[in-house]
Amino acid sequence: MTIPNIGFNHDKTNQAELEIIELSNLYTRSMIEHDPQAPHRVSFFILIYIELGEGEHMVDFNHYRFGPGSLIFVQREQVHSFDFSGQPQGKVILFTQAFLDNVHANMRLPNYTPTHLNQQHNPILQLDSTHHARSHILIDQIQTEINTPASEPLIVMYLFSALALLLHRLRPALSHDNLSVEQSSKLARFFSLMQQHVQQVRDANWYAGKIHTTYKTLNQICKLATGLTAKQMIDAYTIVEIKRRLVVSKTTTQQLANDFGFEDSSNFVKYFKNHTELTPSQFIKHHLS
C-alpha cells in the first residue's frame, strides 16, 4: 500500500484557493480518486468542522477523538485519514498557502507557526455551544459567498479571517503570539530552510547562520513559538518526515539512511528508535497493518 499525495483542485474551485465540501460527500468517494479513510498526504490546509457524530481522526500517525463541535486542523504536508464509522456530519474547508498569503496581504491575522512539531500539540479544538453556533454561521456565510454569482474574494477573506480569529482566541494561550514581527520572520525562514535542507543538515548553528542570527537567539525564538529548542525542532521535523517517507513512498531503511546523511543504516535505526521507541520496521508494521 502506498499513501497518495493529494493536491488542491484549482480547476474545480475556479482558482479560488478555498473550497468547502460536505463531510458526507466524502463517504461515497464519487468525487475523489483516493480513499479518505486511508492515510494520505495533503499539499494544502484543512479545517474539519464536526456537527454530528463521533470517531477518531489520524494526523501524522497519532489518533485524536472527535465529536459534535470538534474542529480538526490539518497542516499542509501532514498525513491524515478520516473516520466515517460513526457517519459524522459537518464541513471540510480546504485552503492553500496562496489563499493565506492573500489574507495576510489584506488584513492582520496571526501567522502560522509549526506548533504541531511539539508532541503536546493537539490538532482538535472542542467548541462550546456558543462558539459552535458562531462557527457554524461563519462557515455557512463563507459558503454562501463562494456560491454567489460574481462572488467577492475579499468578502470570503474577511469571513475566513473572522472565523480564524475566533478560533485562535479559543486556543490555549500560545506563547508564539508574543513574537515580534522580526522574530516571526526569522522563525518562518528557519522552518522554510529546514523543509528544504533537513535531509542534509541537522545542525542548528548552520540554520542560525543562514538567517543571520545567533544560535542563542534562534533557540529563544523556537522555545517561545513551540516550546522546543532549535535542535528539538530539527529532530521533531526529521522524525515526522521520516515517518511520512516510510509510509508515503515505502522507502527502504537503507535508502532513508542515505537520504538523511547517516553513516549507515544502524545509526539511522538508532536515531529513529531514540525518538520514537520503535524501529522503522516496527513503525511501518504498526501503522500499515
C-alpha atoms as a PDB file:
ATOM      1  CA  MET A   1       0.000   0.000   0.000  1.00  0.00           C
ATOM      2  CA  THR A   2       1.255   3.490  -0.817  1.00  0.00           C
ATOM      3  CA  ILE A   3      -0.094   6.698   0.669  1.00  0.00           C
ATOM      4  CA  PRO A   4      -1.226   9.111  -2.044  1.00  0.00           C
ATOM      5  CA  ASN A   5      -0.155  12.742  -2.196  1.00  0.00           C
ATOM      6  CA  ILE A   6      -3.255  14.880  -2.659  1.00  0.00           C
ATOM      7  CA  GLY A   7      -3.021  18.274  -4.338  1.00  0.00           C
ATOM      8  CA  PHE A   8      -5.542  21.125  -4.319  1.00  0.00           C
ATOM      9  CA  ASN A   9      -8.030  21.031  -7.203  1.00  0.00           C
ATOM     10  CA  HIS A  10      -7.711  24.553  -8.642  1.00  0.00           C
ATOM     11  CA  ASP A  11      -9.889  23.814 -11.673  1.00  0.00           C
ATOM     12  CA  LYS A  12     -12.800  22.731  -9.502  1.00  0.00           C
ATOM     13  CA  THR A  13     -12.644  25.905  -7.388  1.00  0.00           C
ATOM     14  CA  ASN A  14     -12.145  28.272 -10.339  1.00  0.00           C
ATOM     15  CA  GLN A  15      -8.716  29.247  -8.970  1.00  0.00           C
ATOM     16  CA  ALA A  16     -10.310  30.434  -5.693  1.00  0.00           C
ATOM     17  CA  GLU A  17      -7.733  28.675  -3.440  1.00  0.00           C
ATOM     18  CA  LEU A  18     -10.501  27.794  -0.925  1.00  0.00           C
ATOM     19  CA  GLU A  19     -13.233  25.165  -1.075  1.00  0.00           C
ATOM     20  CA  ILE A  20     -15.905  23.960   1.344  1.00  0.00           C
ATOM     21  CA  ILE A  21     -17.392  20.485   0.934  1.00  0.00           C
ATOM     22  CA  GLU A  22     -19.900  18.433   2.910  1.00  0.00           C
ATOM     23  CA  LEU A  23     -18.149  15.798   5.004  1.00  0.00           C
ATOM     24  CA  SER A  24     -20.783  13.232   3.986  1.00  0.00           C
ATOM     25  CA  ASN A  25     -19.863  13.761   0.311  1.00  0.00           C
ATOM     26  CA  LEU A  26     -16.565  12.013   1.039  1.00  0.00           C
ATOM     27  CA  TYR A  27     -18.324   8.788   2.086  1.00  0.00           C
ATOM     28  CA  THR A  28     -19.069   7.679  -1.472  1.00  0.00           C
ATOM     29  CA  ARG A  29     -15.698   8.798  -2.875  1.00  0.00           C
ATOM     30  CA  SER A  30     -17.518   9.615  -6.122  1.00  0.00           C
ATOM     31  CA  MET A  31     -15.718  12.978  -6.245  1.00  0.00           C
ATOM     32  CA  ILE A  32     -12.207  11.740  -5.421  1.00  0.00           C
ATOM     33  CA  GLU A  33      -9.827   9.028  -6.572  1.00  0.00           C
ATOM     34  CA  HIS A  34      -8.337   8.020  -3.202  1.00  0.00           C
ATOM     35  CA  ASP A  35      -9.928   6.511  -0.079  1.00  0.00           C
ATOM     36  CA  PRO A  36     -10.278   9.312   2.506  1.00  0.00           C
ATOM     37  CA  GLN A  37     -10.238   6.711   5.304  1.00  0.00           C
ATOM     38  CA  ALA A  38      -6.782   5.537   4.214  1.00  0.00           C
ATOM     39  CA  PRO A  39      -3.729   7.657   5.110  1.00  0.00           C
ATOM     40  CA  HIS A  40      -2.972  10.368   2.549  1.00  0.00           C
ATOM     41  CA  ARG A  41      -0.686  13.400   2.453  1.00  0.00           C
ATOM     42  CA  VAL A  42      -2.082  16.830   1.557  1.00  0.00           C
ATOM     43  CA  SER A  43      -0.350  19.823  -0.015  1.00  0.00           C
ATOM     44  CA  PHE A  44      -2.884  22.281   1.445  1.00  0.00           C
ATOM     45  CA  PHE A  45      -4.518  23.147   4.796  1.00  0.00           C
ATOM     46  CA  ILE A  46      -7.723  21.521   6.039  1.00  0.00           C
ATOM     47  CA  LEU A  47     -10.197  22.593   8.710  1.00  0.00           C
ATOM     48  CA  ILE A  48     -12.760  19.874   9.506  1.00  0.00           C
ATOM     49  CA  TYR A  49     -15.881  21.057  11.338  1.00  0.00           C
ATOM     50  CA  ILE A  50     -17.877  18.269  13.011  1.00  0.00           C
ATOM     51  CA  GLU A  51     -21.590  18.984  13.520  1.00  0.00           C
ATOM     52  CA  LEU A  52     -22.763  15.464  14.402  1.00  0.00           C
ATOM     53  CA  GLY A  53     -21.140  12.092  15.013  1.00  0.00           C
ATOM     54  CA  GLU A  54     -18.035  10.776  16.746  1.00  0.00           C
ATOM     55  CA  GLY A  55     -14.844   8.997  15.776  1.00  0.00           C
ATOM     56  CA  GLU A  56     -11.061   9.199  15.609  1.00  0.00           C
ATOM     57  CA  HIS A  57      -9.089  11.288  13.156  1.00  0.00           C
ATOM     58  CA  MET A  58      -5.476  10.320  12.398  1.00  0.00           C
ATOM     59  CA  VAL A  59      -2.948  13.130  11.930  1.00  0.00           C
ATOM     60  CA  ASP A  60       0.717  12.230  11.378  1.00  0.00           C
ATOM     61  CA  PHE A  61       0.179   8.765  12.894  1.00  0.00           C
ATOM     62  CA  ASN A  62      -1.476   9.968  16.117  1.00  0.00           C
ATOM     63  CA  HIS A  63      -5.198   9.335  16.673  1.00  0.00           C
ATOM     64  CA  TYR A  64      -7.484  12.016  18.120  1.00  0.00           C
ATOM     65  CA  ARG A  65     -11.084  11.589  19.302  1.00  0.00           C
ATOM     66  CA  PHE A  66     -13.691  13.962  17.888  1.00  0.00           C
ATOM     67  CA  GLY A  67     -17.389  14.637  18.486  1.00  0.00           C
ATOM     68  CA  PRO A  68     -20.051  17.295  17.831  1.00  0.00           C
ATOM     69  CA  GLY A  69     -18.462  20.742  17.979  1.00  0.00           C
ATOM     70  CA  SER A  70     -14.936  19.470  17.228  1.00  0.00           C
ATOM     71  CA  LEU A  71     -12.691  21.360  14.828  1.00  0.00           C
ATOM     72  CA  ILE A  72      -9.752  19.420  13.403  1.00  0.00           C
ATOM     73  CA  PHE A  73      -6.773  21.339  11.977  1.00  0.00           C
ATOM     74  CA  VAL A  74      -4.581  19.578   9.393  1.00  0.00           C
ATOM     75  CA  GLN A  75      -1.443  21.416   8.248  1.00  0.00           C
ATOM     76  CA  ARG A  76      -0.142  21.152   4.690  1.00  0.00           C
ATOM     77  CA  GLU A  77       2.245  18.218   4.099  1.00  0.00           C
ATOM     78  CA  GLN A  78       0.743  16.283   7.015  1.00  0.00           C
ATOM     79  CA  VAL A  79      -0.502  12.726   6.560  1.00  0.00           C
ATOM     80  CA  HIS A  80      -4.043  12.154   7.828  1.00  0.00           C
ATOM     81  CA  SER A  81      -7.078   9.901   7.444  1.00  0.00           C
ATOM     82  CA  PHE A  82     -10.797  10.288   8.101  1.00  0.00           C
ATOM     83  CA  ASP A  83     -13.004   8.012  10.215  1.00  0.00           C
ATOM     84  CA  PHE A  84     -16.509   7.579   8.792  1.00  0.00           C
ATOM     85  CA  SER A  85     -17.529   4.641  11.025  1.00  0.00           C
ATOM     86  CA  GLY A  86     -19.823   6.916  13.059  1.00  0.00           C
ATOM     87  CA  GLN A  87     -21.192   8.675   9.935  1.00  0.00           C
ATOM     88  CA  PRO A  88     -20.075  12.153  11.081  1.00  0.00           C
ATOM     89  CA  GLN A  89     -21.758  15.203   9.564  1.00  0.00           C
ATOM     90  CA  GLY A  90     -20.104  18.552   9.002  1.00  0.00           C
ATOM     91  CA  LYS A  91     -17.992  20.627   6.658  1.00  0.00           C
ATOM     92  CA  VAL A  92     -14.456  20.308   5.298  1.00  0.00           C
ATOM     93  CA  ILE A  93     -12.702  23.592   4.477  1.00  0.00           C
ATOM     94  CA  LEU A  94      -9.693  23.244   2.171  1.00  0.00           C
ATOM     95  CA  PHE A  95      -7.400  26.208   1.502  1.00  0.00           C
ATOM     96  CA  THR A  96      -3.926  26.800   0.117  1.00  0.00           C
ATOM     97  CA  GLN A  97      -0.847  28.723   1.217  1.00  0.00           C
ATOM     98  CA  ALA A  98      -1.606  31.171  -1.610  1.00  0.00           C
ATOM     99  CA  PHE A  99      -5.008  31.871  -0.002  1.00  0.00           C
ATOM    100  CA  LEU A 100      -3.350  32.513   3.378  1.00  0.00           C
ATOM    101  CA  ASP A 101      -0.766  34.777   1.738  1.00  0.00           C
ATOM    102  CA  ASN A 102      -3.621  36.747   0.170  1.00  0.00           C
ATOM    103  CA  VAL A 103      -5.375  37.034   3.530  1.00  0.00           C
ATOM    104  CA  HIS A 104      -2.198  38.247   5.247  1.00  0.00           C
ATOM    105  CA  ALA A 105      -1.650  40.807   2.497  1.00  0.00           C
ATOM    106  CA  ASN A 106      -5.126  42.254   3.026  1.00  0.00           C
ATOM    107  CA  MET A 107      -5.661  42.049   6.786  1.00  0.00           C
ATOM    108  CA  ARG A 108      -3.985  41.274  10.080  1.00  0.00           C
ATOM    109  CA  LEU A 109      -4.131  37.611  11.028  1.00  0.00           C
ATOM    110  CA  PRO A 110      -1.891  35.556  13.336  1.00  0.00           C
ATOM    111  CA  ASN A 111       0.930  33.898  11.429  1.00  0.00           C
ATOM    112  CA  TYR A 112       1.117  30.133  11.065  1.00  0.00           C
ATOM    113  CA  THR A 113       3.777  28.627  13.317  1.00  0.00           C
ATOM    114  CA  PRO A 114       4.900  24.967  13.341  1.00  0.00           C
ATOM    115  CA  THR A 115       3.497  24.173  16.809  1.00  0.00           C
ATOM    116  CA  HIS A 116       2.485  20.719  15.533  1.00  0.00           C
ATOM    117  CA  LEU A 117       6.128  19.632  15.928  1.00  0.00           C
ATOM    118  CA  ASN A 118       5.632  19.715  19.700  1.00  0.00           C
ATOM    119  CA  GLN A 119       4.237  16.362  20.843  1.00  0.00           C
ATOM    120  CA  GLN A 120       1.896  18.208  23.227  1.00  0.00           C
ATOM    121  CA  HIS A 121       0.189  19.820  20.210  1.00  0.00           C
ATOM    122  CA  ASN A 122      -3.428  18.769  19.731  1.00  0.00           C
ATOM    123  CA  PRO A 123      -4.975  19.421  16.299  1.00  0.00           C
ATOM    124  CA  ILE A 124      -8.505  19.262  17.751  1.00  0.00           C
ATOM    125  CA  LEU A 125     -10.348  22.209  19.284  1.00  0.00           C
ATOM    126  CA  GLN A 126     -13.591  21.400  21.111  1.00  0.00           C
ATOM    127  CA  LEU A 127     -16.137  24.223  20.866  1.00  0.00           C
ATOM    128  CA  ASP A 128     -18.725  25.106  23.495  1.00  0.00           C
ATOM    129  CA  SER A 129     -22.343  25.628  22.340  1.00  0.00           C
ATOM    130  CA  THR A 130     -21.913  29.395  21.787  1.00  0.00           C
ATOM    131  CA  HIS A 131     -18.803  29.077  19.614  1.00  0.00           C
ATOM    132  CA  HIS A 132     -20.232  26.007  17.908  1.00  0.00           C
ATOM    133  CA  ALA A 133     -23.137  28.214  16.730  1.00  0.00           C
ATOM    134  CA  ARG A 134     -20.910  31.165  15.784  1.00  0.00           C
ATOM    135  CA  SER A 135     -18.524  28.960  13.786  1.00  0.00           C
ATOM    136  CA  HIS A 136     -21.479  27.337  12.014  1.00  0.00           C
ATOM    137  CA  ILE A 137     -22.784  30.767  10.945  1.00  0.00           C
ATOM    138  CA  LEU A 138     -19.389  31.957   9.665  1.00  0.00           C
ATOM    139  CA  ILE A 139     -18.729  28.747   7.706  1.00  0.00           C
ATOM    140  CA  ASP A 140     -22.222  28.969   6.170  1.00  0.00           C
ATOM    141  CA  GLN A 141     -21.602  32.617   5.238  1.00  0.00           C
ATOM    142  CA  ILE A 142     -18.273  31.720   3.576  1.00  0.00           C
ATOM    143  CA  GLN A 143     -20.020  29.000   1.576  1.00  0.00           C
ATOM    144  CA  THR A 144     -22.879  31.335   0.623  1.00  0.00           C
ATOM    145  CA  GLU A 145     -20.458  33.971  -0.667  1.00  0.00           C
ATOM    146  CA  ILE A 146     -18.439  31.371  -2.627  1.00  0.00           C
ATOM    147  CA  ASN A 147     -21.670  30.182  -4.289  1.00  0.00           C
ATOM    148  CA  THR A 148     -22.883  33.717  -5.048  1.00  0.00           C
ATOM    149  CA  PRO A 149     -22.660  34.794  -8.713  1.00  0.00           C
ATOM    150  CA  ALA A 150     -19.789  37.287  -9.071  1.00  0.00           C
ATOM    151  CA  SER A 151     -18.524  36.216  -5.655  1.00  0.00           C
ATOM    152  CA  GLU A 152     -16.241  38.784  -3.992  1.00  0.00           C
ATOM    153  CA  PRO A 153     -12.931  37.203  -2.855  1.00  0.00           C
ATOM    154  CA  LEU A 154     -12.403  39.952  -0.259  1.00  0.00           C
ATOM    155  CA  ILE A 155     -15.682  39.073   1.491  1.00  0.00           C
ATOM    156  CA  VAL A 156     -14.572  35.426   1.631  1.00  0.00           C
ATOM    157  CA  MET A 157     -11.239  36.548   3.116  1.00  0.00           C
ATOM    158  CA  TYR A 158     -12.901  38.739   5.749  1.00  0.00           C
ATOM    159  CA  LEU A 159     -15.308  35.975   6.778  1.00  0.00           C
ATOM    160  CA  PHE A 160     -12.455  33.449   6.900  1.00  0.00           C
ATOM    161  CA  SER A 161     -10.387  35.890   8.980  1.00  0.00           C
ATOM    162  CA  ALA A 162     -13.283  36.336  11.404  1.00  0.00           C
ATOM    163  CA  LEU A 163     -13.509  32.553  11.796  1.00  0.00           C
ATOM    164  CA  ALA A 164      -9.734  32.158  12.175  1.00  0.00           C
ATOM    165  CA  LEU A 165      -9.525  34.929  14.798  1.00  0.00           C
ATOM    166  CA  LEU A 166     -12.479  33.484  16.724  1.00  0.00           C
ATOM    167  CA  LEU A 167     -10.845  30.036  16.814  1.00  0.00           C
ATOM    168  CA  HIS A 168      -7.414  31.472  17.576  1.00  0.00           C
ATOM    169  CA  ARG A 169      -8.814  33.205  20.657  1.00  0.00           C
ATOM    170  CA  LEU A 170     -10.171  29.866  21.892  1.00  0.00           C
ATOM    171  CA  ARG A 171      -6.861  28.036  21.660  1.00  0.00           C
ATOM    172  CA  PRO A 172      -4.948  27.710  24.933  1.00  0.00           C
ATOM    173  CA  ALA A 173      -2.666  30.723  25.379  1.00  0.00           C
ATOM    174  CA  LEU A 174       0.057  30.283  22.780  1.00  0.00           C
ATOM    175  CA  SER A 175       3.312  31.989  23.610  1.00  0.00           C
ATOM    176  CA  HIS A 176       4.211  32.486  19.949  1.00  0.00           C
ATOM    177  CA  ASP A 177       1.655  35.315  19.915  1.00  0.00           C
ATOM    178  CA  ASN A 178       4.315  37.259  21.795  1.00  0.00           C
ATOM    179  CA  LEU A 179       6.820  37.016  18.952  1.00  0.00           C
ATOM    180  CA  SER A 180       7.818  40.302  17.364  1.00  0.00           C
ATOM    181  CA  VAL A 181       7.485  40.754  13.597  1.00  0.00           C
ATOM    182  CA  GLU A 182      11.241  40.192  13.280  1.00  0.00           C
ATOM    183  CA  GLN A 183      11.112  37.029  15.386  1.00  0.00           C
ATOM    184  CA  SER A 184       8.158  35.700  13.382  1.00  0.00           C
ATOM    185  CA  SER A 185      10.060  36.358  10.177  1.00  0.00           C
ATOM    186  CA  LYS A 186      13.150  34.512  11.478  1.00  0.00           C
ATOM    187  CA  LEU A 187      11.029  31.558  12.596  1.00  0.00           C
ATOM    188  CA  ALA A 188       9.304  31.349   9.215  1.00  0.00           C
ATOM    189  CA  ARG A 189      12.684  31.489   7.446  1.00  0.00           C
ATOM    190  CA  PHE A 190      14.107  28.793   9.740  1.00  0.00           C
ATOM    191  CA  PHE A 191      11.143  26.492   9.126  1.00  0.00           C
ATOM    192  CA  SER A 192      11.345  27.050   5.367  1.00  0.00           C
ATOM    193  CA  LEU A 193      15.080  26.285   5.341  1.00  0.00           C
ATOM    194  CA  MET A 194      14.514  23.207   7.490  1.00  0.00           C
ATOM    195  CA  GLN A 195      11.951  21.898   4.997  1.00  0.00           C
ATOM    196  CA  GLN A 196      14.483  22.353   2.187  1.00  0.00           C
ATOM    197  CA  HIS A 197      17.676  21.126   3.856  1.00  0.00           C
ATOM    198  CA  VAL A 198      16.837  18.798   6.757  1.00  0.00           C
ATOM    199  CA  GLN A 199      17.995  15.761   4.774  1.00  0.00           C
ATOM    200  CA  GLN A 200      21.477  17.240   4.528  1.00  0.00           C
ATOM    201  CA  VAL A 201      21.775  19.432   7.642  1.00  0.00           C
ATOM    202  CA  ARG A 202      20.614  18.902  11.230  1.00  0.00           C
ATOM    203  CA  ASP A 203      22.975  21.446  12.804  1.00  0.00           C
ATOM    204  CA  ALA A 204      21.094  24.333  14.456  1.00  0.00           C
ATOM    205  CA  ASN A 205      24.183  26.579  14.175  1.00  0.00           C
ATOM    206  CA  TRP A 206      24.097  26.221  10.379  1.00  0.00           C
ATOM    207  CA  TYR A 207      20.448  27.362  10.244  1.00  0.00           C
ATOM    208  CA  ALA A 208      21.149  30.270  12.623  1.00  0.00           C
ATOM    209  CA  GLY A 209      23.921  31.459  10.296  1.00  0.00           C
ATOM    210  CA  LYS A 210      21.663  31.197   7.253  1.00  0.00           C
ATOM    211  CA  ILE A 211      19.075  33.519   8.833  1.00  0.00           C
ATOM    212  CA  HIS A 212      21.784  35.894  10.061  1.00  0.00           C
ATOM    213  CA  THR A 213      21.271  35.338  13.771  1.00  0.00           C
ATOM    214  CA  THR A 214      22.990  33.539  16.644  1.00  0.00           C
ATOM    215  CA  TYR A 215      22.293  30.022  17.876  1.00  0.00           C
ATOM    216  CA  LYS A 216      21.135  31.520  21.189  1.00  0.00           C
ATOM    217  CA  THR A 217      18.636  33.872  19.510  1.00  0.00           C
ATOM    218  CA  LEU A 218      17.272  31.119  17.268  1.00  0.00           C
ATOM    219  CA  ASN A 219      16.836  28.906  20.324  1.00  0.00           C
ATOM    220  CA  GLN A 220      14.908  31.634  22.160  1.00  0.00           C
ATOM    221  CA  ILE A 221      12.576  32.169  19.198  1.00  0.00           C
ATOM    222  CA  CYS A 222      11.916  28.439  18.793  1.00  0.00           C
ATOM    223  CA  LYS A 223      11.200  27.970  22.504  1.00  0.00           C
ATOM    224  CA  LEU A 224       8.835  30.955  22.529  1.00  0.00           C
ATOM    225  CA  ALA A 225       6.976  29.696  19.454  1.00  0.00           C
ATOM    226  CA  THR A 226       6.816  25.942  20.010  1.00  0.00           C
ATOM    227  CA  GLY A 227       8.224  25.107  23.443  1.00  0.00           C
ATOM    228  CA  LEU A 228      11.087  23.309  21.697  1.00  0.00           C
ATOM    229  CA  THR A 229      14.738  24.236  21.248  1.00  0.00           C
ATOM    230  CA  ALA A 230      16.020  24.667  17.687  1.00  0.00           C
ATOM    231  CA  LYS A 231      17.668  21.225  17.868  1.00  0.00           C
ATOM    232  CA  GLN A 232      14.470  19.630  19.176  1.00  0.00           C
ATOM    233  CA  MET A 233      12.522  21.246  16.328  1.00  0.00           C
ATOM    234  CA  ILE A 234      15.004  19.889  13.791  1.00  0.00           C
ATOM    235  CA  ASP A 235      14.799  16.392  15.294  1.00  0.00           C
ATOM    236  CA  ALA A 236      10.983  16.538  15.516  1.00  0.00           C
ATOM    237  CA  TYR A 237      10.693  17.624  11.889  1.00  0.00           C
ATOM    238  CA  THR A 238      13.240  14.999  10.789  1.00  0.00           C
ATOM    239  CA  ILE A 239      11.343  12.211  12.553  1.00  0.00           C
ATOM    240  CA  VAL A 240       7.933  13.197  11.222  1.00  0.00           C
ATOM    241  CA  GLU A 241       9.386  13.496   7.707  1.00  0.00           C
ATOM    242  CA  ILE A 242      10.986  10.043   8.003  1.00  0.00           C
ATOM    243  CA  LYS A 243       7.646   8.619   9.174  1.00  0.00           C
ATOM    244  CA  ARG A 244       5.903  10.180   6.189  1.00  0.00           C
ATOM    245  CA  ARG A 245       8.540   8.869   3.785  1.00  0.00           C
ATOM    246  CA  LEU A 246       8.354   5.378   5.280  1.00  0.00           C
ATOM    247  CA  VAL A 247       4.655   5.124   4.513  1.00  0.00           C
ATOM    248  CA  VAL A 248       4.096   7.592   1.659  1.00  0.00           C
ATOM    249  CA  SER A 249       6.813   6.245  -0.628  1.00  0.00           C
ATOM    250  CA  LYS A 250       7.656   2.946   1.114  1.00  0.00           C
ATOM    251  CA  THR A 251      11.325   3.938   1.086  1.00  0.00           C
ATOM    252  CA  THR A 252      13.715   1.328   2.487  1.00  0.00           C
ATOM    253  CA  THR A 253      15.656   1.894   5.709  1.00  0.00           C
ATOM    254  CA  GLN A 254      18.933   1.836   3.789  1.00  0.00           C
ATOM    255  CA  GLN A 255      17.712   4.414   1.277  1.00  0.00           C
ATOM    256  CA  LEU A 256      16.424   6.702   4.052  1.00  0.00           C
ATOM    257  CA  ALA A 257      19.746   6.380   5.902  1.00  0.00           C
ATOM    258  CA  ASN A 258      21.479   7.552   2.711  1.00  0.00           C
ATOM    259  CA  ASP A 259      18.923  10.295   2.007  1.00  0.00           C
ATOM    260  CA  PHE A 260      19.208  11.768   5.509  1.00  0.00           C
ATOM    261  CA  GLY A 261      23.003  11.599   5.615  1.00  0.00           C
ATOM    262  CA  PHE A 262      23.527   8.871   8.215  1.00  0.00           C
ATOM    263  CA  GLU A 263      26.807   6.953   8.103  1.00  0.00           C
ATOM    264  CA  ASP A 264      24.981   3.641   7.919  1.00  0.00           C
ATOM    265  CA  SER A 265      21.533   2.118   8.428  1.00  0.00           C
ATOM    266  CA  SER A 266      22.295   1.039  12.021  1.00  0.00           C
ATOM    267  CA  ASN A 267      22.915   4.672  13.048  1.00  0.00           C
ATOM    268  CA  PHE A 268      19.701   5.670  11.288  1.00  0.00           C
ATOM    269  CA  VAL A 269      17.682   2.970  13.076  1.00  0.00           C
ATOM    270  CA  LYS A 270      19.211   4.003  16.420  1.00  0.00           C
ATOM    271  CA  TYR A 271      18.307   7.667  15.811  1.00  0.00           C
ATOM    272  CA  PHE A 272      14.738   6.755  14.867  1.00  0.00           C
ATOM    273  CA  LYS A 273      14.282   4.430  17.843  1.00  0.00           C
ATOM    274  CA  ASN A 274      15.695   7.012  20.288  1.00  0.00           C
ATOM    275  CA  HIS A 275      12.941   9.402  19.265  1.00  0.00           C
ATOM    276  CA  THR A 276      10.035   7.012  18.745  1.00  0.00           C
ATOM    277  CA  GLU A 277      10.844   3.906  20.823  1.00  0.00           C
ATOM    278  CA  LEU A 278      10.201   1.897  17.636  1.00  0.00           C
ATOM    279  CA  THR A 279      12.425   0.697  14.822  1.00  0.00           C
ATOM    280  CA  PRO A 280      11.390   1.832  11.322  1.00  0.00           C
ATOM    281  CA  SER A 281      10.087  -1.659  10.520  1.00  0.00           C
ATOM    282  CA  GLN A 282       8.079  -1.761  13.756  1.00  0.00           C
ATOM    283  CA  PHE A 283       6.617   1.652  12.920  1.00  0.00           C
ATOM    284  CA  ILE A 284       5.575   0.535   9.418  1.00  0.00           C
ATOM    285  CA  LYS A 285       4.047  -2.671  10.760  1.00  0.00           C
ATOM    286  CA  HIS A 286       2.104  -0.725  13.404  1.00  0.00           C
ATOM    287  CA  HIS A 287       0.671   1.875  11.033  1.00  0.00           C
ATOM    288  CA  LEU A 288       0.099  -0.165   7.894  1.00  0.00           C
ATOM    289  CA  SER A 289      -1.318  -3.300   9.499  1.00  0.00           C
END
